[in-house]
Amino acid sequence: MITLTPKDEDYLETIYRISRDSDTVGVTDIARARSVTVPTARSAVSRLIRYGLVRQQHYGKIMLNSDGEKLGEQIYSVHSTIRRFLAEVLLL
């Protein structure tokens, strides 16, 4: 079983969200969405590849595998529920 850091979860969620709206996900897309540098995003993608959640052709598009997609969807759902709670209940 893989234990992701909160930061790794955020990157996986970002890849999941981008892949829902676009056929291609690149490191630059992830960096832009997370407001980080390309090397920082590349490092996070490398960790997710090592965890077996994503794959990437050499400097090509990044794709979630089935485990990565399932976990990305779960993380997205939890984070969406938390954001909704904060906005609707706590009015933040």
PDB file of N, CA and C in Angstrom:
ATOM      1  N   MET A   1       0.832  -1.177   0.000  1.00  0.00           N
ATOM      2  CA  MET A   1       0.000   0.000   0.000  1.00  0.00           C
ATOM      3  C   MET A   1       0.880   1.245   0.000  1.00  0.00           C
ATOM      4  N   ILE A   2       0.475   2.218  -0.768  1.00  0.00           N
ATOM      5  CA  ILE A   2       1.223   3.458  -0.905  1.00  0.00           C
ATOM      6  C   ILE A   2       0.633   4.500   0.038  1.00  0.00           C
ATOM      7  N   THR A   3       1.502   5.185   0.758  1.00  0.00           N
ATOM      8  CA  THR A   3       1.057   6.297   1.582  1.00  0.00           C
ATOM      9  C   THR A   3       1.587   7.576   0.947  1.00  0.00           C
ATOM     10  N   LEU A   4       0.675   8.351   0.379  1.00  0.00           N
ATOM     11  CA  LEU A   4       1.064   9.595  -0.277  1.00  0.00           C
ATOM     12  C   LEU A   4       1.106  10.727   0.724  1.00  0.00           C
ATOM     13  N   THR A   5       2.013  11.643   0.513  1.00  0.00           N
ATOM     14  CA  THR A   5       2.012  12.869   1.306  1.00  0.00           C
ATOM     15  C   THR A   5       0.861  13.738   0.817  1.00  0.00           C
ATOM     16  N   PRO A   6       0.427  14.695   1.622  1.00  0.00           N
ATOM     17  CA  PRO A   6      -0.617  15.614   1.145  1.00  0.00           C
ATOM     18  C   PRO A   6      -0.220  16.321  -0.158  1.00  0.00           C
ATOM     19  N   LYS A   7       1.048  16.638  -0.294  1.00  0.00           N
ATOM     20  CA  LYS A   7       1.529  17.295  -1.514  1.00  0.00           C
ATOM     21  C   LYS A   7       1.398  16.362  -2.716  1.00  0.00           C
ATOM     22  N   ASP A   8       1.757  15.084  -2.538  1.00  0.00           N
ATOM     23  CA  ASP A   8       1.608  14.108  -3.620  1.00  0.00           C
ATOM     24  C   ASP A   8       0.138  13.943  -3.991  1.00  0.00           C
ATOM     25  N   GLU A   9      -0.734  13.933  -2.998  1.00  0.00           N
ATOM     26  CA  GLU A   9      -2.171  13.855  -3.266  1.00  0.00           C
ATOM     27  C   GLU A   9      -2.631  15.039  -4.107  1.00  0.00           C
ATOM     28  N   ASP A  10      -2.143  16.225  -3.766  1.00  0.00           N
ATOM     29  CA  ASP A  10      -2.513  17.420  -4.522  1.00  0.00           C
ATOM     30  C   ASP A  10      -2.066  17.324  -5.981  1.00  0.00           C
ATOM     31  N   TYR A  11      -0.872  16.814  -6.202  1.00  0.00           N
ATOM     32  CA  TYR A  11      -0.393  16.655  -7.581  1.00  0.00           C
ATOM     33  C   TYR A  11      -1.212  15.613  -8.334  1.00  0.00           C
ATOM     34  N   LEU A  12      -1.531  14.511  -7.663  1.00  0.00           N
ATOM     35  CA  LEU A  12      -2.342  13.479  -8.317  1.00  0.00           C
ATOM     36  C   LEU A  12      -3.723  14.035  -8.658  1.00  0.00           C
ATOM     37  N   GLU A  13      -4.300  14.788  -7.744  1.00  0.00           N
ATOM     38  CA  GLU A  13      -5.597  15.418  -8.009  1.00  0.00           C
ATOM     39  C   GLU A  13      -5.498  16.391  -9.183  1.00  0.00           C
ATOM     40  N   THR A  14      -4.433  17.144  -9.245  1.00  0.00           N
ATOM     41  CA  THR A  14      -4.241  18.094 -10.344  1.00  0.00           C
ATOM     42  C   THR A  14      -4.175  17.359 -11.681  1.00  0.00           C
ATOM     43  N   ILE A  15      -3.416  16.279 -11.733  1.00  0.00           N
ATOM     44  CA  ILE A  15      -3.332  15.498 -12.965  1.00  0.00           C
ATOM     45  C   ILE A  15      -4.706  14.936 -13.321  1.00  0.00           C
ATOM     46  N   TYR A  16      -5.425  14.451 -12.329  1.00  0.00           N
ATOM     47  CA  TYR A  16      -6.773  13.921 -12.555  1.00  0.00           C
ATOM     48  C   TYR A  16      -7.682  15.007 -13.138  1.00  0.00           C
ATOM     49  N   ARG A  17      -7.681  16.191 -12.517  1.00  0.00           N
ATOM     50  CA  ARG A  17      -8.556  17.279 -12.990  1.00  0.00           C
ATOM     51  C   ARG A  17      -8.196  17.711 -14.406  1.00  0.00           C
ATOM     52  N   ILE A  18      -6.916  17.868 -14.694  1.00  0.00           N
ATOM     53  CA  ILE A  18      -6.502  18.288 -16.034  1.00  0.00           C
ATOM     54  C   ILE A  18      -6.886  17.219 -17.056  1.00  0.00           C
ATOM     55  N   SER A  19      -6.701  15.951 -16.700  1.00  0.00           N
ATOM     56  CA  SER A  19      -6.984  14.876 -17.658  1.00  0.00           C
ATOM     57  C   SER A  19      -8.473  14.749 -17.953  1.00  0.00           C
ATOM     58  N   ARG A  20      -9.315  15.224 -17.059  1.00  0.00           N
ATOM     59  CA  ARG A  20     -10.764  15.203 -17.321  1.00  0.00           C
ATOM     60  C   ARG A  20     -11.136  16.217 -18.396  1.00  0.00           C
ATOM     61  N   ASP A  21     -10.381  17.302 -18.481  1.00  0.00           N
ATOM     62  CA  ASP A  21     -10.703  18.393 -19.399  1.00  0.00           C
ATOM     63  C   ASP A  21      -9.856  18.402 -20.664  1.00  0.00           C
ATOM     64  N   SER A  22      -8.808  17.603 -20.703  1.00  0.00           N
ATOM     65  CA  SER A  22      -7.878  17.650 -21.829  1.00  0.00           C
ATOM     66  C   SER A  22      -7.361  16.255 -22.157  1.00  0.00           C
ATOM     67  N   ASP A  23      -7.090  16.032 -23.430  1.00  0.00           N
ATOM     68  CA  ASP A  23      -6.538  14.746 -23.843  1.00  0.00           C
ATOM     69  C   ASP A  23      -5.081  14.590 -23.435  1.00  0.00           C
ATOM     70  N   THR A  24      -4.402  15.713 -23.248  1.00  0.00           N
ATOM     71  CA  THR A  24      -2.993  15.642 -22.897  1.00  0.00           C
ATOM     72  C   THR A  24      -2.721  16.397 -21.601  1.00  0.00           C
ATOM     73  N   VAL A  25      -1.846  15.837 -20.815  1.00  0.00           N
ATOM     74  CA  VAL A  25      -1.392  16.477 -19.579  1.00  0.00           C
ATOM     75  C   VAL A  25       0.125  16.527 -19.655  1.00  0.00           C
ATOM     76  N   GLY A  26       0.672  17.708 -19.605  1.00  0.00           N
ATOM     77  CA  GLY A  26       2.116  17.876 -19.622  1.00  0.00           C
ATOM     78  C   GLY A  26       2.612  18.440 -18.299  1.00  0.00           C
ATOM     79  N   VAL A  27       3.897  18.325 -18.088  1.00  0.00           N
ATOM     80  CA  VAL A  27       4.495  18.857 -16.864  1.00  0.00           C
ATOM     81  C   VAL A  27       4.243  20.357 -16.761  1.00  0.00           C
ATOM     82  N   THR A  28       4.293  21.049 -17.884  1.00  0.00           N
ATOM     83  CA  THR A  28       4.039  22.495 -17.879  1.00  0.00           C
ATOM     84  C   THR A  28       2.611  22.797 -17.431  1.00  0.00           C
ATOM     85  N   ASP A  29       1.659  21.975 -17.866  1.00  0.00           N
ATOM     86  CA  ASP A  29       0.261  22.155 -17.441  1.00  0.00           C
ATOM     87  C   ASP A  29       0.125  21.993 -15.927  1.00  0.00           C
ATOM     88  N   ILE A  30       0.799  20.993 -15.406  1.00  0.00           N
ATOM     89  CA  ILE A  30       0.751  20.739 -13.964  1.00  0.00           C
ATOM     90  C   ILE A  30       1.401  21.885 -13.202  1.00  0.00           C
ATOM     91  N   ALA A  31       2.560  22.330 -13.670  1.00  0.00           N
ATOM     92  CA  ALA A  31       3.262  23.442 -13.015  1.00  0.00           C
ATOM     93  C   ALA A  31       2.387  24.690 -12.994  1.00  0.00           C
ATOM     94  N   ARG A  32       1.742  24.981 -14.118  1.00  0.00           N
ATOM     95  CA  ARG A  32       0.876  26.162 -14.201  1.00  0.00           C
ATOM     96  C   ARG A  32      -0.302  26.033 -13.228  1.00  0.00           C
ATOM     97  N   ALA A  33      -0.923  24.865 -13.203  1.00  0.00           N
ATOM     98  CA  ALA A  33      -2.088  24.648 -12.333  1.00  0.00           C
ATOM     99  C   ALA A  33      -1.718  24.712 -10.856  1.00  0.00           C
ATOM    100  N   ARG A  34      -0.510  24.292 -10.508  1.00  0.00           N
ATOM    101  CA  ARG A  34      -0.085  24.283  -9.102  1.00  0.00           C
ATOM    102  C   ARG A  34       0.691  25.543  -8.723  1.00  0.00           C
ATOM    103  N   SER A  35       0.950  26.417  -9.711  1.00  0.00           N
ATOM    104  CA  SER A  35       1.738  27.638  -9.478  1.00  0.00           C
ATOM    105  C   SER A  35       3.119  27.319  -8.924  1.00  0.00           C
ATOM    106  N   VAL A  36       3.775  26.358  -9.575  1.00  0.00           N
ATOM    107  CA  VAL A  36       5.137  25.977  -9.194  1.00  0.00           C
ATOM    108  C   VAL A  36       6.001  25.986 -10.444  1.00  0.00           C
ATOM    109  N   THR A  37       7.285  25.793 -10.261  1.00  0.00           N
ATOM    110  CA  THR A  37       8.189  25.728 -11.406  1.00  0.00           C
ATOM    111  C   THR A  37       8.066  24.364 -12.092  1.00  0.00           C
ATOM    112  N   VAL A  38       8.493  24.311 -13.338  1.00  0.00           N
ATOM    113  CA  VAL A  38       8.475  23.046 -14.082  1.00  0.00           C
ATOM    114  C   VAL A  38       9.335  21.985 -13.386  1.00  0.00           C
ATOM    115  N   PRO A  39      10.552  22.311 -12.915  1.00  0.00           N
ATOM    116  CA  PRO A  39      11.336  21.284 -12.216  1.00  0.00           C
ATOM    117  C   PRO A  39      10.635  20.733 -10.965  1.00  0.00           C
ATOM    118  N   THR A  40       9.918  21.587 -10.249  1.00  0.00           N
ATOM    119  CA  THR A  40       9.180  21.134  -9.073  1.00  0.00           C
ATOM    120  C   THR A  40       8.079  20.165  -9.482  1.00  0.00           C
ATOM    121  N   ALA A  41       7.335  20.510 -10.526  1.00  0.00           N
ATOM    122  CA  ALA A  41       6.273  19.628 -11.016  1.00  0.00           C
ATOM    123  C   ALA A  41       6.858  18.322 -11.540  1.00  0.00           C
ATOM    124  N   ARG A  42       7.982  18.402 -12.240  1.00  0.00           N
ATOM    125  CA  ARG A  42       8.623  17.203 -12.784  1.00  0.00           C
ATOM    126  C   ARG A  42       9.032  16.256 -11.649  1.00  0.00           C
ATOM    127  N   SER A  43       9.526  16.812 -10.565  1.00  0.00           N
ATOM    128  CA  SER A  43       9.917  16.006  -9.409  1.00  0.00           C
ATOM    129  C   SER A  43       8.700  15.276  -8.827  1.00  0.00           C
ATOM    130  N   ALA A  44       7.583  15.977  -8.718  1.00  0.00           N
ATOM    131  CA  ALA A  44       6.361  15.359  -8.190  1.00  0.00           C
ATOM    132  C   ALA A  44       5.869  14.254  -9.125  1.00  0.00           C
ATOM    133  N   VAL A  45       5.915  14.504 -10.418  1.00  0.00           N
ATOM    134  CA  VAL A  45       5.502  13.490 -11.395  1.00  0.00           C
ATOM    135  C   VAL A  45       6.406  12.270 -11.282  1.00  0.00           C
ATOM    136  N   SER A  46       7.692  12.483 -11.109  1.00  0.00           N
ATOM    137  CA  SER A  46       8.627  11.358 -10.959  1.00  0.00           C
ATOM    138  C   SER A  46       8.270  10.494  -9.753  1.00  0.00           C
ATOM    139  N   ARG A  47       7.886  11.135  -8.659  1.00  0.00           N
ATOM    140  CA  ARG A  47       7.470  10.369  -7.472  1.00  0.00           C
ATOM    141  C   ARG A  47       6.220   9.550  -7.788  1.00  0.00           C
ATOM    142  N   LEU A  48       5.248  10.160  -8.459  1.00  0.00           N
ATOM    143  CA  LEU A  48       4.014   9.443  -8.785  1.00  0.00           C
ATOM    144  C   LEU A  48       4.270   8.294  -9.752  1.00  0.00           C
ATOM    145  N   ILE A  49       5.259   8.453 -10.628  1.00  0.00           N
ATOM    146  CA  ILE A  49       5.653   7.351 -11.522  1.00  0.00           C
ATOM    147  C   ILE A  49       6.246   6.215 -10.685  1.00  0.00           C
ATOM    148  N   ARG A  50       7.129   6.558  -9.746  1.00  0.00           N
ATOM    149  CA  ARG A  50       7.734   5.529  -8.877  1.00  0.00           C
ATOM    150  C   ARG A  50       6.670   4.789  -8.069  1.00  0.00           C
ATOM    151  N   TYR A  51       5.612   5.509  -7.657  1.00  0.00           N
ATOM    152  CA  TYR A  51       4.518   4.884  -6.905  1.00  0.00           C
ATOM    153  C   TYR A  51       3.624   4.035  -7.804  1.00  0.00           C
ATOM    154  N   GLY A  52       3.828   4.123  -9.114  1.00  0.00           N
ATOM    155  CA  GLY A  52       3.037   3.333 -10.044  1.00  0.00           C
ATOM    156  C   GLY A  52       1.648   3.889 -10.303  1.00  0.00           C
ATOM    157  N   LEU A  53       1.470   5.196 -10.126  1.00  0.00           N
ATOM    158  CA  LEU A  53       0.153   5.805 -10.319  1.00  0.00           C
ATOM    159  C   LEU A  53       0.004   6.496 -11.662  1.00  0.00           C
ATOM    160  N   VAL A  54       1.117   6.900 -12.242  1.00  0.00           N
ATOM    161  CA  VAL A  54       1.091   7.548 -13.551  1.00  0.00           C
ATOM    162  C   VAL A  54       2.207   6.977 -14.410  1.00  0.00           C
ATOM    163  N   ARG A  55       2.085   7.211 -15.701  1.00  0.00           N
ATOM    164  CA  ARG A  55       3.170   6.843 -16.622  1.00  0.00           C
ATOM    165  C   ARG A  55       3.382   8.025 -17.558  1.00  0.00           C
ATOM    166  N   GLN A  56       4.582   8.071 -18.104  1.00  0.00           N
ATOM    167  CA  GLN A  56       4.912   9.175 -19.000  1.00  0.00           C
ATOM    168  C   GLN A  56       5.880   8.675 -20.054  1.00  0.00           C
ATOM    169  N   GLN A  57       5.555   8.995 -21.293  1.00  0.00           N
ATOM    170  CA  GLN A  57       6.510   8.732 -22.355  1.00  0.00           C
ATOM    171  C   GLN A  57       7.644   9.723 -22.152  1.00  0.00           C
ATOM    172  N   HIS A  58       8.825   9.408 -22.638  1.00  0.00           N
ATOM    173  CA  HIS A  58       9.985  10.265 -22.427  1.00  0.00           C
ATOM    174  C   HIS A  58       9.654  11.709 -22.811  1.00  0.00           C
ATOM    175  N   TYR A  59       9.547  12.574 -21.818  1.00  0.00           N
ATOM    176  CA  TYR A  59       9.189  13.980 -21.982  1.00  0.00           C
ATOM    177  C   TYR A  59       7.879  14.155 -22.761  1.00  0.00           C
ATOM    178  N   GLY A  60       6.993  13.173 -22.650  1.00  0.00           N
ATOM    179  CA  GLY A  60       5.709  13.239 -23.333  1.00  0.00           C
ATOM    180  C   GLY A  60       4.578  13.470 -22.364  1.00  0.00           C
ATOM    181  N   LYS A  61       3.372  13.151 -22.841  1.00  0.00           N
ATOM    182  CA  LYS A  61       2.209  13.392 -22.001  1.00  0.00           C
ATOM    183  C   LYS A  61       2.179  12.431 -20.819  1.00  0.00           C
ATOM    184  N   ILE A  62       1.530  12.876 -19.769  1.00  0.00           N
ATOM    185  CA  ILE A  62       1.435  12.120 -18.526  1.00  0.00           C
ATOM    186  C   ILE A  62       0.044  11.503 -18.485  1.00  0.00           C
ATOM    187  N   MET A  63      -0.009  10.217 -18.157  1.00  0.00           N
ATOM    188  CA  MET A  63      -1.283   9.511 -18.124  1.00  0.00           C
ATOM    189  C   MET A  63      -1.436   8.788 -16.796  1.00  0.00           C
ATOM    190  N   LEU A  64      -2.632   8.862 -16.243  1.00  0.00           N
ATOM    191  CA  LEU A  64      -2.937   8.097 -15.043  1.00  0.00           C
ATOM    192  C   LEU A  64      -3.176   6.652 -15.439  1.00  0.00           C
ATOM    193  N   ASN A  65      -2.662   5.714 -14.655  1.00  0.00           N
ATOM    194  CA  ASN A  65      -3.058   4.333 -14.882  1.00  0.00           C
ATOM    195  C   ASN A  65      -4.344   4.098 -14.096  1.00  0.00           C
ATOM    196  N   SER A  66      -4.881   2.899 -14.111  1.00  0.00           N
ATOM    197  CA  SER A  66      -6.182   2.678 -13.468  1.00  0.00           C
ATOM    198  C   SER A  66      -6.142   2.969 -11.967  1.00  0.00           C
ATOM    199  N   ASP A  67      -5.067   2.573 -11.276  1.00  0.00           N
ATOM    200  CA  ASP A  67      -4.955   2.877  -9.841  1.00  0.00           C
ATOM    201  C   ASP A  67      -4.848   4.376  -9.601  1.00  0.00           C
ATOM    202  N   GLY A  68      -4.075   5.052 -10.438  1.00  0.00           N
ATOM    203  CA  GLY A  68      -3.913   6.498 -10.302  1.00  0.00           C
ATOM    204  C   GLY A  68      -5.213   7.231 -10.559  1.00  0.00           C
ATOM    205  N   GLU A  69      -5.965   6.778 -11.546  1.00  0.00           N
ATOM    206  CA  GLU A  69      -7.243   7.427 -11.840  1.00  0.00           C
ATOM    207  C   GLU A  69      -8.225   7.225 -10.695  1.00  0.00           C
ATOM    208  N   LYS A  70      -8.286   6.009 -10.168  1.00  0.00           N
ATOM    209  CA  LYS A  70      -9.196   5.719  -9.067  1.00  0.00           C
ATOM    210  C   LYS A  70      -8.843   6.552  -7.834  1.00  0.00           C
ATOM    211  N   LEU A  71      -7.568   6.587  -7.482  1.00  0.00           N
ATOM    212  CA  LEU A  71      -7.128   7.351  -6.320  1.00  0.00           C
ATOM    213  C   LEU A  71      -7.287   8.848  -6.562  1.00  0.00           C
ATOM    214  N   GLY A  72      -6.962   9.318  -7.769  1.00  0.00           N
ATOM    215  CA  GLY A  72      -7.152  10.734  -8.098  1.00  0.00           C
ATOM    216  C   GLY A  72      -8.597  11.152  -7.964  1.00  0.00           C
ATOM    217  N   GLU A  73      -9.507  10.301  -8.412  1.00  0.00           N
ATOM    218  CA  GLU A  73     -10.938  10.597  -8.296  1.00  0.00           C
ATOM    219  C   GLU A  73     -11.373  10.647  -6.826  1.00  0.00           C
ATOM    220  N   GLN A  74     -10.866   9.723  -6.012  1.00  0.00           N
ATOM    221  CA  GLN A  74     -11.191   9.715  -4.583  1.00  0.00           C
ATOM    222  C   GLN A  74     -10.683  10.982  -3.897  1.00  0.00           C
ATOM    223  N   ILE A  75      -9.462  11.353  -4.191  1.00  0.00           N
ATOM    224  CA  ILE A  75      -8.877  12.559  -3.594  1.00  0.00           C
ATOM    225  C   ILE A  75      -9.674  13.785  -4.028  1.00  0.00           C
ATOM    226  N   TYR A  76     -10.004  13.868  -5.305  1.00  0.00           N
ATOM    227  CA  TYR A  76     -10.796  14.982  -5.824  1.00  0.00           C
ATOM    228  C   TYR A  76     -12.140  15.059  -5.109  1.00  0.00           C
ATOM    229  N   SER A  77     -12.790  13.930  -4.916  1.00  0.00           N
ATOM    230  CA  SER A  77     -14.090  13.898  -4.245  1.00  0.00           C
ATOM    231  C   SER A  77     -13.988  14.387  -2.801  1.00  0.00           C
ATOM    232  N   VAL A  78     -12.981  13.901  -2.077  1.00  0.00           N
ATOM    233  CA  VAL A  78     -12.789  14.329  -0.678  1.00  0.00           C
ATOM    234  C   VAL A  78     -12.496  15.822  -0.615  1.00  0.00           C
ATOM    235  N   HIS A  79     -11.592  16.292  -1.462  1.00  0.00           N
ATOM    236  CA  HIS A  79     -11.243  17.715  -1.448  1.00  0.00           C
ATOM    237  C   HIS A  79     -12.433  18.584  -1.846  1.00  0.00           C
ATOM    238  N   SER A  80     -13.238  18.120  -2.782  1.00  0.00           N
ATOM    239  CA  SER A  80     -14.430  18.877  -3.189  1.00  0.00           C
ATOM    240  C   SER A  80     -15.419  18.978  -2.047  1.00  0.00           C
ATOM    241  N   THR A  81     -15.592  17.887  -1.309  1.00  0.00           N
ATOM    242  CA  THR A  81     -16.497  17.891  -0.154  1.00  0.00           C
ATOM    243  C   THR A  81     -15.999  18.857   0.910  1.00  0.00           C
ATOM    244  N   ILE A  82     -14.720  18.861   1.163  1.00  0.00           N
ATOM    245  CA  ILE A  82     -14.139  19.773   2.154  1.00  0.00           C
ATOM    246  C   ILE A  82     -14.323  21.222   1.706  1.00  0.00           C
ATOM    247  N   ARG A  83     -14.046  21.514   0.420  1.00  0.00           N
ATOM    248  CA  ARG A  83     -14.218  22.888  -0.082  1.00  0.00           C
ATOM    249  C   ARG A  83     -15.675  23.335   0.031  1.00  0.00           C
ATOM    250  N   ARG A  84     -16.582  22.424  -0.313  1.00  0.00           N
ATOM    251  CA  ARG A  84     -18.007  22.748  -0.226  1.00  0.00           C
ATOM    252  C   ARG A  84     -18.410  23.017   1.220  1.00  0.00           C
ATOM    253  N   PHE A  85     -17.945  22.204   2.161  1.00  0.00           N
ATOM    254  CA  PHE A  85     -18.232  22.397   3.582  1.00  0.00           C
ATOM    255  C   PHE A  85     -17.718  23.761   4.043  1.00  0.00           C
ATOM    256  N   LEU A  86     -16.489  24.060   3.689  1.00  0.00           N
ATOM    257  CA  LEU A  86     -15.908  25.346   4.100  1.00  0.00           C
ATOM    258  C   LEU A  86     -16.703  26.511   3.537  1.00  0.00           C
ATOM    259  N   ALA A  87     -17.130  26.409   2.295  1.00  0.00           N
ATOM    260  CA  ALA A  87     -17.841  27.501   1.641  1.00  0.00           C
ATOM    261  C   ALA A  87     -19.292  27.627   2.103  1.00  0.00           C
ATOM    262  N   GLU A  88     -19.978  26.503   2.237  1.00  0.00           N
ATOM    263  CA  GLU A  88     -21.404  26.545   2.514  1.00  0.00           C
ATOM    264  C   GLU A  88     -21.753  26.535   3.988  1.00  0.00           C
ATOM    265  N   VAL A  89     -20.981  25.842   4.797  1.00  0.00           N
ATOM    266  CA  VAL A  89     -21.303  25.722   6.210  1.00  0.00           C
ATOM    267  C   VAL A  89     -20.537  26.753   7.031  1.00  0.00           C
ATOM    268  N   LEU A  90     -19.254  26.843   6.790  1.00  0.00           N
ATOM    269  CA  LEU A  90     -18.447  27.764   7.585  1.00  0.00           C
ATOM    270  C   LEU A  90     -18.350  29.152   6.926  1.00  0.00           C
ATOM    271  N   LEU A  91     -18.863  29.257   5.712  1.00  0.00           N
ATOM    272  CA  LEU A  91     -18.881  30.528   4.975  1.00  0.00           C
ATOM    273  C   LEU A  91     -17.481  31.116   4.810  1.00  0.00           C
ATOM    274  N   LEU A  92     -16.524  30.249   4.525  1.00  0.00           N
ATOM    275  CA  LEU A  92     -15.139  30.716   4.304  1.00  0.00           C
ATOM    276  C   LEU A  92     -14.835  30.782   2.833  1.00  0.00           C
TER     277      LEU A  92
END
